[in-house]
Amino acid sequence: MEEKPVMARTPTLSIETASIGMLKTVYRLIVAAANEMDAIRLWS
């Protein structure tokens, strides 16, 4: 009976890891976009 909770926790951990990966990807995209905007401001 003790193994079932562990199996139930595994999918949630994988979902949390995937969500953290998505947040990191979005953060990188935002940083890249901000850097591009700064570069455009410097050129203009």
N, C-alpha and C. Protein backbone atom coordinates (compact mmCIF):
# COMPACT_ATOMS: atom_id res chain seq x y z
N MET A 1 0.84 -1.20 0.00
CA MET A 1 0.00 0.00 0.00
C MET A 1 0.88 1.27 0.00
N GLU A 2 2.13 1.14 0.46
CA GLU A 2 2.98 2.33 0.52
C GLU A 2 3.56 2.70 -0.83
N GLU A 3 3.57 1.77 -1.77
CA GLU A 3 4.16 2.07 -3.08
C GLU A 3 3.22 2.89 -3.97
N LYS A 4 1.93 2.81 -3.73
CA LYS A 4 0.98 3.53 -4.58
C LYS A 4 1.14 5.05 -4.49
N PRO A 5 1.29 5.64 -3.30
CA PRO A 5 1.50 7.10 -3.23
C PRO A 5 2.75 7.52 -4.00
N VAL A 6 3.81 6.71 -3.93
CA VAL A 6 5.04 7.05 -4.65
C VAL A 6 4.78 7.08 -6.15
N MET A 7 4.03 6.12 -6.65
CA MET A 7 3.71 6.08 -8.08
C MET A 7 2.84 7.28 -8.44
N ALA A 8 1.99 7.70 -7.52
CA ALA A 8 1.11 8.84 -7.80
C ALA A 8 1.90 10.14 -7.81
N ARG A 9 2.99 10.18 -7.05
CA ARG A 9 3.78 11.41 -6.99
C ARG A 9 4.66 11.57 -8.22
N THR A 10 5.06 10.47 -8.83
CA THR A 10 5.98 10.55 -9.96
C THR A 10 5.44 11.42 -11.10
N PRO A 11 4.18 11.24 -11.54
CA PRO A 11 3.67 12.09 -12.64
C PRO A 11 3.66 13.56 -12.26
N THR A 12 3.32 13.87 -11.01
CA THR A 12 3.26 15.28 -10.60
C THR A 12 4.66 15.89 -10.63
N LEU A 13 5.65 15.11 -10.23
CA LEU A 13 7.03 15.62 -10.26
C LEU A 13 7.45 15.89 -11.69
N SER A 14 7.09 14.99 -12.62
CA SER A 14 7.47 15.19 -14.02
C SER A 14 6.75 16.42 -14.58
N ILE A 15 5.50 16.63 -14.17
CA ILE A 15 4.76 17.81 -14.64
C ILE A 15 5.41 19.08 -14.10
N GLU A 16 5.83 19.04 -12.84
CA GLU A 16 6.48 20.22 -12.25
C GLU A 16 7.79 20.50 -12.97
N THR A 17 8.55 19.44 -13.27
CA THR A 17 9.81 19.62 -13.98
C THR A 17 9.57 20.21 -15.36
N ALA A 18 8.53 19.71 -16.04
CA ALA A 18 8.22 20.23 -17.39
C ALA A 18 7.80 21.69 -17.30
N SER A 19 7.00 22.03 -16.30
CA SER A 19 6.55 23.42 -16.16
C SER A 19 7.74 24.33 -15.87
N ILE A 20 8.68 23.85 -15.06
CA ILE A 20 9.88 24.66 -14.77
C ILE A 20 10.68 24.84 -16.05
N GLY A 21 10.77 23.80 -16.86
CA GLY A 21 11.49 23.91 -18.13
C GLY A 21 10.81 24.92 -19.04
N MET A 22 9.48 24.91 -19.06
CA MET A 22 8.76 25.87 -19.89
C MET A 22 9.00 27.29 -19.38
N LEU A 23 8.99 27.48 -18.08
CA LEU A 23 9.23 28.82 -17.53
C LEU A 23 10.63 29.30 -17.90
N LYS A 24 11.61 28.40 -17.85
CA LYS A 24 12.97 28.79 -18.21
C LYS A 24 13.03 29.17 -19.68
N THR A 25 12.33 28.41 -20.53
CA THR A 25 12.33 28.72 -21.97
C THR A 25 11.68 30.07 -22.22
N VAL A 26 10.53 30.33 -21.57
CA VAL A 26 9.84 31.61 -21.75
C VAL A 26 10.74 32.75 -21.25
N TYR A 27 11.40 32.52 -20.11
CA TYR A 27 12.28 33.56 -19.55
C TYR A 27 13.41 33.88 -20.54
N ARG A 28 13.99 32.84 -21.15
CA ARG A 28 15.07 33.06 -22.11
C ARG A 28 14.55 33.85 -23.31
N LEU A 29 13.32 33.52 -23.77
CA LEU A 29 12.75 34.25 -24.91
C LEU A 29 12.54 35.71 -24.55
N ILE A 30 12.05 35.97 -23.34
CA ILE A 30 11.82 37.36 -22.91
C ILE A 30 13.14 38.11 -22.83
N VAL A 31 14.17 37.48 -22.26
CA VAL A 31 15.48 38.12 -22.14
C VAL A 31 16.03 38.40 -23.54
N ALA A 32 15.90 37.44 -24.44
CA ALA A 32 16.41 37.64 -25.81
C ALA A 32 15.66 38.78 -26.48
N ALA A 33 14.35 38.85 -26.30
CA ALA A 33 13.56 39.92 -26.91
C ALA A 33 13.96 41.27 -26.31
N ALA A 34 14.20 41.31 -25.00
CA ALA A 34 14.60 42.56 -24.35
C ALA A 34 15.96 43.00 -24.89
N ASN A 35 16.87 42.05 -25.06
CA ASN A 35 18.19 42.40 -25.59
C ASN A 35 18.07 42.94 -27.01
N GLU A 36 17.18 42.36 -27.81
CA GLU A 36 16.99 42.84 -29.19
C GLU A 36 16.42 44.25 -29.18
N MET A 37 15.47 44.51 -28.27
CA MET A 37 14.88 45.85 -28.18
C MET A 37 15.96 46.86 -27.78
N ASP A 38 16.81 46.50 -26.83
CA ASP A 38 17.89 47.41 -26.41
C ASP A 38 18.83 47.67 -27.58
N ALA A 39 19.12 46.64 -28.37
CA ALA A 39 20.02 46.81 -29.51
C ALA A 39 19.38 47.76 -30.53
N ILE A 40 18.07 47.62 -30.76
CA ILE A 40 17.38 48.49 -31.71
C ILE A 40 17.42 49.93 -31.20
N ARG A 41 17.24 50.13 -29.90
CA ARG A 41 17.27 51.49 -29.33
C ARG A 41 18.66 52.09 -29.50
N LEU A 42 19.69 51.29 -29.33
CA LEU A 42 21.05 51.81 -29.47
C LEU A 42 21.33 52.20 -30.93
N TRP A 43 20.82 51.40 -31.87
CA TRP A 43 21.07 51.70 -33.28
C TRP A 43 20.28 52.92 -33.75
N SER A 44 19.06 53.07 -33.22
CA SER A 44 18.22 54.19 -33.68
C SER A 44 18.61 55.52 -33.05
